[in-house]
Amino acid sequence: MPIHVKLDDLLHERRMTLTELAERVDLTLANLSILKTGKAKAMRFSTLEAICRELDCQPGDLLGYEGG
């Protein structure tokens, strides 16, 4: 899939664990792990909003596109 989630990079930059983010955005660790590993097929806007709020980033900071 040409769209990838850069959650791991953002967590590293903010020195935050996936567990901490899961608690802050009220998502399961399993669901965030699916996003982090690139196995997700979709993401709700409410999830995107919550992650961006907690990581103080824009959606473009979280999502990347590698198309041809």
PDB file of N, CA and C in Angstrom:
ATOM      1  N   MET A   1       0.844  -1.182   0.000  1.00  0.00           N
ATOM      2  CA  MET A   1       0.000   0.000   0.000  1.00  0.00           C
ATOM      3  C   MET A   1       0.888   1.244   0.000  1.00  0.00           C
ATOM      4  N   PRO A   2       0.613   2.197  -0.856  1.00  0.00           N
ATOM      5  CA  PRO A   2       1.476   3.370  -0.951  1.00  0.00           C
ATOM      6  C   PRO A   2       1.346   4.361   0.213  1.00  0.00           C
ATOM      7  N   ILE A   3       0.305   4.238   1.050  1.00  0.00           N
ATOM      8  CA  ILE A   3       0.163   5.120   2.212  1.00  0.00           C
ATOM      9  C   ILE A   3       0.737   4.412   3.426  1.00  0.00           C
ATOM     10  N   HIS A   4       1.605   5.103   4.149  1.00  0.00           N
ATOM     11  CA  HIS A   4       2.175   4.504   5.344  1.00  0.00           C
ATOM     12  C   HIS A   4       2.020   5.450   6.528  1.00  0.00           C
ATOM     13  N   VAL A   5       1.969   4.867   7.710  1.00  0.00           N
ATOM     14  CA  VAL A   5       1.776   5.608   8.960  1.00  0.00           C
ATOM     15  C   VAL A   5       3.133   5.757   9.636  1.00  0.00           C
ATOM     16  N   LYS A   6       3.488   7.000   9.953  1.00  0.00           N
ATOM     17  CA  LYS A   6       4.785   7.297  10.552  1.00  0.00           C
ATOM     18  C   LYS A   6       4.672   7.469  12.070  1.00  0.00           C
ATOM     19  N   LEU A   7       3.827   6.647  12.675  1.00  0.00           N
ATOM     20  CA  LEU A   7       3.567   6.752  14.112  1.00  0.00           C
ATOM     21  C   LEU A   7       4.821   6.464  14.928  1.00  0.00           C
ATOM     22  N   ASP A   8       5.588   5.476  14.528  1.00  0.00           N
ATOM     23  CA  ASP A   8       6.796   5.115  15.269  1.00  0.00           C
ATOM     24  C   ASP A   8       7.765   6.289  15.348  1.00  0.00           C
ATOM     25  N   ASP A   9       7.958   6.988  14.244  1.00  0.00           N
ATOM     26  CA  ASP A   9       8.866   8.143  14.227  1.00  0.00           C
ATOM     27  C   ASP A   9       8.380   9.250  15.152  1.00  0.00           C
ATOM     28  N   LEU A  10       7.081   9.531  15.105  1.00  0.00           N
ATOM     29  CA  LEU A  10       6.530  10.597  15.947  1.00  0.00           C
ATOM     30  C   LEU A  10       6.619  10.246  17.425  1.00  0.00           C
ATOM     31  N   LEU A  11       6.354   8.986  17.757  1.00  0.00           N
ATOM     32  CA  LEU A  11       6.476   8.562  19.154  1.00  0.00           C
ATOM     33  C   LEU A  11       7.911   8.709  19.632  1.00  0.00           C
ATOM     34  N   HIS A  12       8.846   8.317  18.799  1.00  0.00           N
ATOM     35  CA  HIS A  12      10.265   8.426  19.160  1.00  0.00           C
ATOM     36  C   HIS A  12      10.660   9.887  19.379  1.00  0.00           C
ATOM     37  N   GLU A  13      10.235  10.765  18.481  1.00  0.00           N
ATOM     38  CA  GLU A  13      10.555  12.196  18.592  1.00  0.00           C
ATOM     39  C   GLU A  13       9.988  12.802  19.868  1.00  0.00           C
ATOM     40  N   ARG A  14       8.809  12.326  20.281  1.00  0.00           N
ATOM     41  CA  ARG A  14       8.157  12.884  21.471  1.00  0.00           C
ATOM     42  C   ARG A  14       8.475  12.100  22.736  1.00  0.00           C
ATOM     43  N   ARG A  15       9.319  11.088  22.607  1.00  0.00           N
ATOM     44  CA  ARG A  15       9.704  10.245  23.737  1.00  0.00           C
ATOM     45  C   ARG A  15       8.481   9.718  24.482  1.00  0.00           C
ATOM     46  N   MET A  16       7.578   9.154  23.711  1.00  0.00           N
ATOM     47  CA  MET A  16       6.332   8.616  24.238  1.00  0.00           C
ATOM     48  C   MET A  16       6.222   7.157  23.812  1.00  0.00           C
ATOM     49  N   THR A  17       5.685   6.343  24.688  1.00  0.00           N
ATOM     50  CA  THR A  17       5.485   4.935  24.343  1.00  0.00           C
ATOM     51  C   THR A  17       4.126   4.754  23.686  1.00  0.00           C
ATOM     52  N   LEU A  18       3.993   3.648  22.982  1.00  0.00           N
ATOM     53  CA  LEU A  18       2.715   3.310  22.360  1.00  0.00           C
ATOM     54  C   LEU A  18       1.648   3.110  23.440  1.00  0.00           C
ATOM     55  N   THR A  19       2.034   2.533  24.556  1.00  0.00           N
ATOM     56  CA  THR A  19       1.110   2.319  25.672  1.00  0.00           C
ATOM     57  C   THR A  19       0.590   3.645  26.211  1.00  0.00           C
ATOM     58  N   GLU A  20       1.482   4.605  26.371  1.00  0.00           N
ATOM     59  CA  GLU A  20       1.086   5.926  26.863  1.00  0.00           C
ATOM     60  C   GLU A  20       0.125   6.603  25.889  1.00  0.00           C
ATOM     61  N   LEU A  21       0.421   6.528  24.600  1.00  0.00           N
ATOM     62  CA  LEU A  21      -0.463   7.125  23.603  1.00  0.00           C
ATOM     63  C   LEU A  21      -1.822   6.426  23.612  1.00  0.00           C
ATOM     64  N   ALA A  22      -1.834   5.116  23.724  1.00  0.00           N
ATOM     65  CA  ALA A  22      -3.093   4.362  23.760  1.00  0.00           C
ATOM     66  C   ALA A  22      -3.974   4.837  24.907  1.00  0.00           C
ATOM     67  N   GLU A  23      -3.384   5.066  26.060  1.00  0.00           N
ATOM     68  CA  GLU A  23      -4.144   5.554  27.221  1.00  0.00           C
ATOM     69  C   GLU A  23      -4.670   6.964  26.970  1.00  0.00           C
ATOM     70  N   ARG A  24      -3.859   7.812  26.375  1.00  0.00           N
ATOM     71  CA  ARG A  24      -4.253   9.207  26.144  1.00  0.00           C
ATOM     72  C   ARG A  24      -5.366   9.350  25.111  1.00  0.00           C
ATOM     73  N   VAL A  25      -5.364   8.484  24.087  1.00  0.00           N
ATOM     74  CA  VAL A  25      -6.367   8.599  23.025  1.00  0.00           C
ATOM     75  C   VAL A  25      -7.512   7.610  23.207  1.00  0.00           C
ATOM     76  N   ASP A  26      -7.459   6.831  24.285  1.00  0.00           N
ATOM     77  CA  ASP A  26      -8.513   5.867  24.616  1.00  0.00           C
ATOM     78  C   ASP A  26      -8.737   4.849  23.510  1.00  0.00           C
ATOM     79  N   LEU A  27      -7.629   4.278  23.027  1.00  0.00           N
ATOM     80  CA  LEU A  27      -7.662   3.180  22.061  1.00  0.00           C
ATOM     81  C   LEU A  27      -6.924   2.001  22.665  1.00  0.00           C
ATOM     82  N   THR A  28      -7.213   0.815  22.155  1.00  0.00           N
ATOM     83  CA  THR A  28      -6.485  -0.343  22.647  1.00  0.00           C
ATOM     84  C   THR A  28      -5.068  -0.331  22.096  1.00  0.00           C
ATOM     85  N   LEU A  29      -4.185  -0.934  22.849  1.00  0.00           N
ATOM     86  CA  LEU A  29      -2.799  -1.053  22.406  1.00  0.00           C
ATOM     87  C   LEU A  29      -2.737  -1.859  21.112  1.00  0.00           C
ATOM     88  N   ALA A  30      -3.590  -2.863  20.998  1.00  0.00           N
ATOM     89  CA  ALA A  30      -3.621  -3.695  19.787  1.00  0.00           C
ATOM     90  C   ALA A  30      -3.969  -2.869  18.554  1.00  0.00           C
ATOM     91  N   ASN A  31      -4.970  -1.992  18.661  1.00  0.00           N
ATOM     92  CA  ASN A  31      -5.365  -1.166  17.511  1.00  0.00           C
ATOM     93  C   ASN A  31      -4.265  -0.186  17.114  1.00  0.00           C
ATOM     94  N   LEU A  32      -3.616   0.427  18.102  1.00  0.00           N
ATOM     95  CA  LEU A  32      -2.518   1.338  17.769  1.00  0.00           C
ATOM     96  C   LEU A  32      -1.340   0.576  17.183  1.00  0.00           C
ATOM     97  N   SER A  33      -1.115  -0.628  17.644  1.00  0.00           N
ATOM     98  CA  SER A  33      -0.039  -1.442  17.105  1.00  0.00           C
ATOM     99  C   SER A  33      -0.289  -1.775  15.637  1.00  0.00           C
ATOM    100  N   ILE A  34      -1.527  -2.029  15.282  1.00  0.00           N
ATOM    101  CA  ILE A  34      -1.891  -2.293  13.885  1.00  0.00           C
ATOM    102  C   ILE A  34      -1.583  -1.071  13.021  1.00  0.00           C
ATOM    103  N   LEU A  35      -1.883   0.111  13.543  1.00  0.00           N
ATOM    104  CA  LEU A  35      -1.548   1.342  12.818  1.00  0.00           C
ATOM    105  C   LEU A  35      -0.036   1.489  12.676  1.00  0.00           C
ATOM    106  N   LYS A  36       0.663   1.280  13.788  1.00  0.00           N
ATOM    107  CA  LYS A  36       2.105   1.484  13.814  1.00  0.00           C
ATOM    108  C   LYS A  36       2.829   0.564  12.842  1.00  0.00           C
ATOM    109  N   THR A  37       2.377  -0.655  12.727  1.00  0.00           N
ATOM    110  CA  THR A  37       3.060  -1.626  11.869  1.00  0.00           C
ATOM    111  C   THR A  37       2.629  -1.553  10.408  1.00  0.00           C
ATOM    112  N   GLY A  38       1.677  -0.671  10.105  1.00  0.00           N
ATOM    113  CA  GLY A  38       1.243  -0.503   8.726  1.00  0.00           C
ATOM    114  C   GLY A  38       0.250  -1.535   8.245  1.00  0.00           C
ATOM    115  N   LYS A  39      -0.355  -2.254   9.152  1.00  0.00           N
ATOM    116  CA  LYS A  39      -1.313  -3.295   8.778  1.00  0.00           C
ATOM    117  C   LYS A  39      -2.751  -2.792   8.715  1.00  0.00           C
ATOM    118  N   ALA A  40      -2.969  -1.539   9.081  1.00  0.00           N
ATOM    119  CA  ALA A  40      -4.325  -0.984   9.084  1.00  0.00           C
ATOM    120  C   ALA A  40      -4.795  -0.720   7.660  1.00  0.00           C
ATOM    121  N   LYS A  41      -6.058  -0.954   7.410  1.00  0.00           N
ATOM    122  CA  LYS A  41      -6.657  -0.693   6.102  1.00  0.00           C
ATOM    123  C   LYS A  41      -7.397   0.640   6.084  1.00  0.00           C
ATOM    124  N   ALA A  42      -7.715   1.159   7.273  1.00  0.00           N
ATOM    125  CA  ALA A  42      -8.465   2.412   7.377  1.00  0.00           C
ATOM    126  C   ALA A  42      -8.223   3.021   8.760  1.00  0.00           C
ATOM    127  N   MET A  43      -8.558   4.312   8.874  1.00  0.00           N
ATOM    128  CA  MET A  43      -8.464   4.997  10.155  1.00  0.00           C
ATOM    129  C   MET A  43      -9.613   6.002  10.235  1.00  0.00           C
ATOM    130  N   ARG A  44     -10.285   6.024  11.363  1.00  0.00           N
ATOM    131  CA  ARG A  44     -11.360   6.993  11.556  1.00  0.00           C
ATOM    132  C   ARG A  44     -10.762   8.389  11.745  1.00  0.00           C
ATOM    133  N   PHE A  45     -11.519   9.383  11.298  1.00  0.00           N
ATOM    134  CA  PHE A  45     -11.066  10.762  11.500  1.00  0.00           C
ATOM    135  C   PHE A  45     -10.963  11.084  12.981  1.00  0.00           C
ATOM    136  N   SER A  46     -11.834  10.518  13.809  1.00  0.00           N
ATOM    137  CA  SER A  46     -11.764  10.775  15.246  1.00  0.00           C
ATOM    138  C   SER A  46     -10.464  10.208  15.834  1.00  0.00           C
ATOM    139  N   THR A  47     -10.014   9.076  15.317  1.00  0.00           N
ATOM    140  CA  THR A  47      -8.740   8.500  15.761  1.00  0.00           C
ATOM    141  C   THR A  47      -7.585   9.370  15.300  1.00  0.00           C
ATOM    142  N   LEU A  48      -7.625   9.789  14.047  1.00  0.00           N
ATOM    143  CA  LEU A  48      -6.593  10.666  13.509  1.00  0.00           C
ATOM    144  C   LEU A  48      -6.520  11.961  14.303  1.00  0.00           C
ATOM    145  N   GLU A  49      -7.676  12.527  14.609  1.00  0.00           N
ATOM    146  CA  GLU A  49      -7.729  13.762  15.394  1.00  0.00           C
ATOM    147  C   GLU A  49      -7.115  13.571  16.773  1.00  0.00           C
ATOM    148  N   ALA A  50      -7.465  12.485  17.451  1.00  0.00           N
ATOM    149  CA  ALA A  50      -6.959  12.227  18.801  1.00  0.00           C
ATOM    150  C   ALA A  50      -5.444  12.032  18.798  1.00  0.00           C
ATOM    151  N   ILE A  51      -4.934  11.294  17.822  1.00  0.00           N
ATOM    152  CA  ILE A  51      -3.491  11.074  17.740  1.00  0.00           C
ATOM    153  C   ILE A  51      -2.770  12.393  17.465  1.00  0.00           C
ATOM    154  N   CYS A  52      -3.289  13.172  16.531  1.00  0.00           N
ATOM    155  CA  CYS A  52      -2.673  14.466  16.219  1.00  0.00           C
ATOM    156  C   CYS A  52      -2.711  15.410  17.419  1.00  0.00           C
ATOM    157  N   ARG A  53      -3.798  15.373  18.153  1.00  0.00           N
ATOM    158  CA  ARG A  53      -3.916  16.223  19.352  1.00  0.00           C
ATOM    159  C   ARG A  53      -2.851  15.841  20.369  1.00  0.00           C
ATOM    160  N   GLU A  54      -2.710  14.565  20.649  1.00  0.00           N
ATOM    161  CA  GLU A  54      -1.775  14.116  21.680  1.00  0.00           C
ATOM    162  C   GLU A  54      -0.317  14.215  21.256  1.00  0.00           C
ATOM    163  N   LEU A  55      -0.050  14.068  19.980  1.00  0.00           N
ATOM    164  CA  LEU A  55       1.331  14.157  19.490  1.00  0.00           C
ATOM    165  C   LEU A  55       1.671  15.555  18.981  1.00  0.00           C
ATOM    166  N   ASP A  56       0.694  16.462  19.045  1.00  0.00           N
ATOM    167  CA  ASP A  56       0.879  17.840  18.593  1.00  0.00           C
ATOM    168  C   ASP A  56       1.457  17.860  17.178  1.00  0.00           C
ATOM    169  N   CYS A  57       0.717  17.222  16.267  1.00  0.00           N
ATOM    170  CA  CYS A  57       1.180  17.140  14.882  1.00  0.00           C
ATOM    171  C   CYS A  57       0.003  17.338  13.926  1.00  0.00           C
ATOM    172  N   GLN A  58       0.312  17.416  12.661  1.00  0.00           N
ATOM    173  CA  GLN A  58      -0.682  17.520  11.614  1.00  0.00           C
ATOM    174  C   GLN A  58      -0.861  16.137  10.975  1.00  0.00           C
ATOM    175  N   PRO A  59      -2.019  15.878  10.344  1.00  0.00           N
ATOM    176  CA  PRO A  59      -2.205  14.580   9.689  1.00  0.00           C
ATOM    177  C   PRO A  59      -1.085  14.241   8.700  1.00  0.00           C
ATOM    178  N   GLY A  60      -0.566  15.239   8.016  1.00  0.00           N
ATOM    179  CA  GLY A  60       0.530  15.002   7.079  1.00  0.00           C
ATOM    180  C   GLY A  60       1.820  14.575   7.749  1.00  0.00           C
ATOM    181  N   ASP A  61       1.969  14.889   9.042  1.00  0.00           N
ATOM    182  CA  ASP A  61       3.140  14.428   9.794  1.00  0.00           C
ATOM    183  C   ASP A  61       3.020  12.939  10.105  1.00  0.00           C
ATOM    184  N   LEU A  62       1.804  12.466  10.198  1.00  0.00           N
ATOM    185  CA  LEU A  62       1.523  11.086  10.584  1.00  0.00           C
ATOM    186  C   LEU A  62       1.425  10.141   9.387  1.00  0.00           C
ATOM    187  N   LEU A  63       0.943  10.664   8.265  1.00  0.00           N
ATOM    188  CA  LEU A  63       0.719   9.837   7.094  1.00  0.00           C
ATOM    189  C   LEU A  63       1.655  10.225   5.962  1.00  0.00           C
ATOM    190  N   GLY A  64       2.161   9.237   5.260  1.00  0.00           N
ATOM    191  CA  GLY A  64       3.017   9.481   4.112  1.00  0.00           C
ATOM    192  C   GLY A  64       2.479   8.740   2.901  1.00  0.00           C
ATOM    193  N   TYR A  65       2.853   9.205   1.721  1.00  0.00           N
ATOM    194  CA  TYR A  65       2.399   8.579   0.472  1.00  0.00           C
ATOM    195  C   TYR A  65       3.605   8.309  -0.405  1.00  0.00           C
ATOM    196  N   GLU A  66       3.747   7.065  -0.816  1.00  0.00           N
ATOM    197  CA  GLU A  66       4.824   6.676  -1.719  1.00  0.00           C
ATOM    198  C   GLU A  66       4.200   6.058  -2.964  1.00  0.00           C
ATOM    199  N   GLY A  67       3.726   6.917  -3.832  1.00  0.00           N
ATOM    200  CA  GLY A  67       3.065   6.438  -5.044  1.00  0.00           C
ATOM    201  C   GLY A  67       3.931   6.615  -6.270  1.00  0.00           C
ATOM    202  N   GLY A  68       3.475   6.045  -7.346  1.00  0.00           N
ATOM    203  CA  GLY A  68       4.261   6.119  -8.564  1.00  0.00           C
ATOM    204  C   GLY A  68       3.622   6.871  -9.653  1.00  0.00           C
TER     205      GLY A  68
END
